């Protein structure tokens, strides 16, 4: 079954909504895995490693900064995003897992955080707060001994 990773569209490989790159910019390599698989682990290279340079991602500079903040453990000192997967017994599933992880962090990075707008307390909330303070004050006054 073909998916977005196997068949790049004329405009490139879609990594996330609105993020398309040339297939040559994404480096996918395989090595022997330490995951499940019994003797298969010793014979097959199923561990997948996906690498793409941050500079090659067609994203807004703010989104790239958010990406660096969200997933600093996935970014190499040379400025590449490096994602690995060896959870599954097959190359295809591990490759798909790498692309899915990349997609998730790119979607998170593209989302602008909501700007908090400072608000003032309403008149009712101020009055309730003052009323509560007065009530508490009266309770504490009632505890005092009135022997003067």
C-alpha atoms as a PDB file:
ATOM      1  CA  UNK A   1       0.000   0.000   0.000  1.00  0.00           C
ATOM      2  CA  UNK A   2       1.692   3.287  -1.054  1.00  0.00           C
ATOM      3  CA  UNK A   3       1.846   6.102   1.463  1.00  0.00           C
ATOM      4  CA  UNK A   4       3.054   9.709   1.548  1.00  0.00           C
ATOM      5  CA  UNK A   5       6.630   8.581   2.245  1.00  0.00           C
ATOM      6  CA  UNK A   6       6.904   6.174  -0.686  1.00  0.00           C
ATOM      7  CA  UNK A   7       5.373   8.268  -3.432  1.00  0.00           C
ATOM      8  CA  UNK A   8       6.500  11.879  -3.335  1.00  0.00           C
ATOM      9  CA  UNK A   9       4.211  14.303  -5.073  1.00  0.00           C
ATOM     10  CA  UNK A  10       5.586  16.621  -7.765  1.00  0.00           C
ATOM     11  CA  UNK A  11       6.086  19.321  -5.132  1.00  0.00           C
ATOM     12  CA  UNK A  12       8.067  17.022  -2.832  1.00  0.00           C
ATOM     13  CA  UNK A  13       7.740  14.794   0.186  1.00  0.00           C
ATOM     14  CA  UNK A  14       5.133  15.972   2.711  1.00  0.00           C
ATOM     15  CA  UNK A  15       6.570  15.705   6.224  1.00  0.00           C
ATOM     16  CA  UNK A  16       3.724  17.603   7.900  1.00  0.00           C
ATOM     17  CA  UNK A  17       0.864  19.821   6.737  1.00  0.00           C
ATOM     18  CA  UNK A  18       2.494  22.659   4.816  1.00  0.00           C
ATOM     19  CA  UNK A  19       6.023  21.212   5.127  1.00  0.00           C
ATOM     20  CA  UNK A  20       7.233  19.680   1.866  1.00  0.00           C
ATOM     21  CA  UNK A  21      10.844  18.900   1.038  1.00  0.00           C
ATOM     22  CA  UNK A  22      12.716  17.285  -1.804  1.00  0.00           C
ATOM     23  CA  UNK A  23      13.061  13.527  -1.142  1.00  0.00           C
ATOM     24  CA  UNK A  24      16.854  13.866  -1.485  1.00  0.00           C
ATOM     25  CA  UNK A  25      17.026  16.055   1.634  1.00  0.00           C
ATOM     26  CA  UNK A  26      15.708  13.304   3.916  1.00  0.00           C
ATOM     27  CA  UNK A  27      18.333  10.695   4.716  1.00  0.00           C
ATOM     28  CA  UNK A  28      17.013   7.323   5.876  1.00  0.00           C
ATOM     29  CA  UNK A  29      19.443   4.610   6.926  1.00  0.00           C
ATOM     30  CA  UNK A  30      19.094   1.199   8.516  1.00  0.00           C
ATOM     31  CA  UNK A  31      21.288  -0.735  10.931  1.00  0.00           C
ATOM     32  CA  UNK A  32      20.998  -3.804  13.113  1.00  0.00           C
ATOM     33  CA  UNK A  33      18.510  -3.389  15.899  1.00  0.00           C
ATOM     34  CA  UNK A  34      18.555  -4.305  19.564  1.00  0.00           C
ATOM     35  CA  UNK A  35      14.777  -4.556  19.696  1.00  0.00           C
ATOM     36  CA  UNK A  36      12.444  -7.552  19.464  1.00  0.00           C
ATOM     37  CA  UNK A  37      12.897 -10.211  16.833  1.00  0.00           C
ATOM     38  CA  UNK A  38      14.906 -13.088  18.236  1.00  0.00           C
ATOM     39  CA  UNK A  39      17.554 -14.316  15.779  1.00  0.00           C
ATOM     40  CA  UNK A  40      16.075 -11.957  13.189  1.00  0.00           C
ATOM     41  CA  UNK A  41      17.791  -9.111  15.079  1.00  0.00           C
ATOM     42  CA  UNK A  42      21.185 -10.595  14.283  1.00  0.00           C
ATOM     43  CA  UNK A  43      20.442 -11.056  10.572  1.00  0.00           C
ATOM     44  CA  UNK A  44      18.390  -8.040   9.527  1.00  0.00           C
ATOM     45  CA  UNK A  45      19.034  -4.309   9.619  1.00  0.00           C
ATOM     46  CA  UNK A  46      15.656  -3.130  10.915  1.00  0.00           C
ATOM     47  CA  UNK A  47      16.633  -0.141  13.067  1.00  0.00           C
ATOM     48  CA  UNK A  48      15.761   3.041  11.175  1.00  0.00           C
ATOM     49  CA  UNK A  49      17.511   6.385  11.462  1.00  0.00           C
ATOM     50  CA  UNK A  50      15.992   9.465   9.792  1.00  0.00           C
ATOM     51  CA  UNK A  51      18.084  12.612   9.393  1.00  0.00           C
ATOM     52  CA  UNK A  52      17.210  16.011   7.934  1.00  0.00           C
ATOM     53  CA  UNK A  53      18.983  19.340   8.344  1.00  0.00           C
ATOM     54  CA  UNK A  54      17.064  22.057  10.193  1.00  0.00           C
ATOM     55  CA  UNK A  55      18.123  24.486   7.465  1.00  0.00           C
ATOM     56  CA  UNK A  56      16.374  22.307   4.862  1.00  0.00           C
ATOM     57  CA  UNK A  57      12.980  22.504   6.593  1.00  0.00           C
ATOM     58  CA  UNK A  58      10.802  25.101   4.834  1.00  0.00           C
ATOM     59  CA  UNK A  59       9.382  26.507   8.064  1.00  0.00           C
ATOM     60  CA  UNK A  60       9.195  29.938   9.641  1.00  0.00           C
ATOM     61  CA  UNK A  61      12.274  30.748  11.769  1.00  0.00           C
ATOM     62  CA  UNK A  62      10.033  31.002  14.861  1.00  0.00           C
ATOM     63  CA  UNK A  63       8.745  27.475  14.189  1.00  0.00           C
ATOM     64  CA  UNK A  64      12.313  26.195  13.912  1.00  0.00           C
ATOM     65  CA  UNK A  65      13.138  27.838  17.258  1.00  0.00           C
ATOM     66  CA  UNK A  66      10.082  26.173  18.798  1.00  0.00           C
ATOM     67  CA  UNK A  67      11.234  22.860  17.310  1.00  0.00           C
ATOM     68  CA  UNK A  68      14.638  23.297  18.958  1.00  0.00           C
ATOM     69  CA  UNK A  69      12.892  24.083  22.247  1.00  0.00           C
ATOM     70  CA  UNK A  70      10.388  21.197  21.997  1.00  0.00           C
ATOM     71  CA  UNK A  71      12.881  18.466  21.068  1.00  0.00           C
ATOM     72  CA  UNK A  72      16.472  19.451  21.860  1.00  0.00           C
ATOM     73  CA  UNK A  73      17.323  15.763  22.354  1.00  0.00           C
ATOM     74  CA  UNK A  74      16.561  15.085  18.681  1.00  0.00           C
ATOM     75  CA  UNK A  75      18.828  17.820  17.315  1.00  0.00           C
ATOM     76  CA  UNK A  76      22.498  17.111  16.718  1.00  0.00           C
ATOM     77  CA  UNK A  77      25.257  19.677  17.331  1.00  0.00           C
ATOM     78  CA  UNK A  78      25.618  20.011  13.547  1.00  0.00           C
ATOM     79  CA  UNK A  79      21.978  21.164  13.258  1.00  0.00           C
ATOM     80  CA  UNK A  80      20.284  18.011  12.005  1.00  0.00           C
ATOM     81  CA  UNK A  81      17.056  16.475  13.260  1.00  0.00           C
ATOM     82  CA  UNK A  82      17.878  12.837  14.038  1.00  0.00           C
ATOM     83  CA  UNK A  83      15.054  10.413  14.765  1.00  0.00           C
ATOM     84  CA  UNK A  84      15.526   6.707  15.426  1.00  0.00           C
ATOM     85  CA  UNK A  85      13.105   3.808  15.731  1.00  0.00           C
ATOM     86  CA  UNK A  86      13.723   0.138  16.461  1.00  0.00           C
ATOM     87  CA  UNK A  87      10.465  -0.843  18.142  1.00  0.00           C
ATOM     88  CA  UNK A  88       9.253  -3.052  15.316  1.00  0.00           C
ATOM     89  CA  UNK A  89      10.652  -6.095  13.540  1.00  0.00           C
ATOM     90  CA  UNK A  90      10.429  -4.647  10.036  1.00  0.00           C
ATOM     91  CA  UNK A  91      12.256  -1.824   8.279  1.00  0.00           C
ATOM     92  CA  UNK A  92       9.043  -0.453   6.834  1.00  0.00           C
ATOM     93  CA  UNK A  93       7.300  -0.113  10.176  1.00  0.00           C
ATOM     94  CA  UNK A  94      10.346   1.476  11.787  1.00  0.00           C
ATOM     95  CA  UNK A  95      10.679   3.899   8.848  1.00  0.00           C
ATOM     96  CA  UNK A  96       7.003   4.819   9.180  1.00  0.00           C
ATOM     97  CA  UNK A  97       7.496   5.300  12.938  1.00  0.00           C
ATOM     98  CA  UNK A  98      10.381   7.726  12.261  1.00  0.00           C
ATOM     99  CA  UNK A  99       8.301   9.733   9.805  1.00  0.00           C
ATOM    100  CA  UNK A 100       5.381   9.773  12.258  1.00  0.00           C
ATOM    101  CA  UNK A 101       7.594  11.074  15.091  1.00  0.00           C
ATOM    102  CA  UNK A 102       8.967  13.758  12.778  1.00  0.00           C
ATOM    103  CA  UNK A 103       5.442  14.702  11.704  1.00  0.00           C
ATOM    104  CA  UNK A 104       4.288  15.036  15.325  1.00  0.00           C
ATOM    105  CA  UNK A 105       7.120  17.345  16.375  1.00  0.00           C
ATOM    106  CA  UNK A 106       6.788  19.457  13.216  1.00  0.00           C
ATOM    107  CA  UNK A 107       3.064  19.916  13.856  1.00  0.00           C
ATOM    108  CA  UNK A 108       3.799  20.934  17.461  1.00  0.00           C
ATOM    109  CA  UNK A 109       6.491  23.372  16.338  1.00  0.00           C
ATOM    110  CA  UNK A 110       4.213  25.028  13.779  1.00  0.00           C
ATOM    111  CA  UNK A 111       1.551  25.777  16.370  1.00  0.00           C
ATOM    112  CA  UNK A 112       1.972  29.303  17.712  1.00  0.00           C
ATOM    113  CA  UNK A 113       1.466  29.508  21.470  1.00  0.00           C
ATOM    114  CA  UNK A 114      -1.493  31.590  22.573  1.00  0.00           C
ATOM    115  CA  UNK A 115      -0.494  35.052  23.718  1.00  0.00           C
ATOM    116  CA  UNK A 116      -1.817  35.696  27.181  1.00  0.00           C
ATOM    117  CA  UNK A 117      -3.750  38.923  27.379  1.00  0.00           C
ATOM    118  CA  UNK A 118      -3.640  40.593  30.773  1.00  0.00           C
ATOM    119  CA  UNK A 119      -7.120  41.187  32.185  1.00  0.00           C
ATOM    120  CA  UNK A 120      -8.343  43.139  35.153  1.00  0.00           C
ATOM    121  CA  UNK A 121     -10.509  41.563  37.821  1.00  0.00           C
ATOM    122  CA  UNK A 122     -14.193  42.354  37.407  1.00  0.00           C
ATOM    123  CA  UNK A 123     -16.015  44.640  39.838  1.00  0.00           C
ATOM    124  CA  UNK A 124     -18.002  41.679  41.187  1.00  0.00           C
ATOM    125  CA  UNK A 125     -14.874  39.609  41.852  1.00  0.00           C
ATOM    126  CA  UNK A 126     -13.269  42.538  43.695  1.00  0.00           C
ATOM    127  CA  UNK A 127     -16.362  42.967  45.847  1.00  0.00           C
ATOM    128  CA  UNK A 128     -16.517  39.220  46.613  1.00  0.00           C
ATOM    129  CA  UNK A 129     -12.859  39.227  47.619  1.00  0.00           C
ATOM    130  CA  UNK A 130     -13.319  42.227  49.950  1.00  0.00           C
ATOM    131  CA  UNK A 131     -16.488  40.684  51.418  1.00  0.00           C
ATOM    132  CA  UNK A 132     -14.618  37.431  52.114  1.00  0.00           C
ATOM    133  CA  UNK A 133     -11.833  39.327  53.823  1.00  0.00           C
ATOM    134  CA  UNK A 134     -14.353  41.185  56.013  1.00  0.00           C
ATOM    135  CA  UNK A 135     -16.072  37.916  56.953  1.00  0.00           C
ATOM    136  CA  UNK A 136     -12.758  36.327  57.875  1.00  0.00           C
ATOM    137  CA  UNK A 137     -11.787  39.392  59.904  1.00  0.00           C
ATOM    138  CA  UNK A 138     -15.046  39.193  61.890  1.00  0.00           C
ATOM    139  CA  UNK A 139     -14.436  35.479  62.617  1.00  0.00           C
ATOM    140  CA  UNK A 140     -10.970  36.263  63.956  1.00  0.00           C
ATOM    141  CA  UNK A 141     -12.247  39.209  66.029  1.00  0.00           C
ATOM    142  CA  UNK A 142     -14.797  36.872  67.604  1.00  0.00           C
ATOM    143  CA  UNK A 143     -11.986  34.647  68.906  1.00  0.00           C
ATOM    144  CA  UNK A 144     -10.438  37.424  71.015  1.00  0.00           C
ATOM    145  CA  UNK A 145     -11.200  37.691  74.707  1.00  0.00           C
ATOM    146  CA  UNK A 146     -13.237  40.804  75.429  1.00  0.00           C
ATOM    147  CA  UNK A 147     -11.898  41.383  78.999  1.00  0.00           C
ATOM    148  CA  UNK A 148     -10.550  44.947  79.079  1.00  0.00           C
END
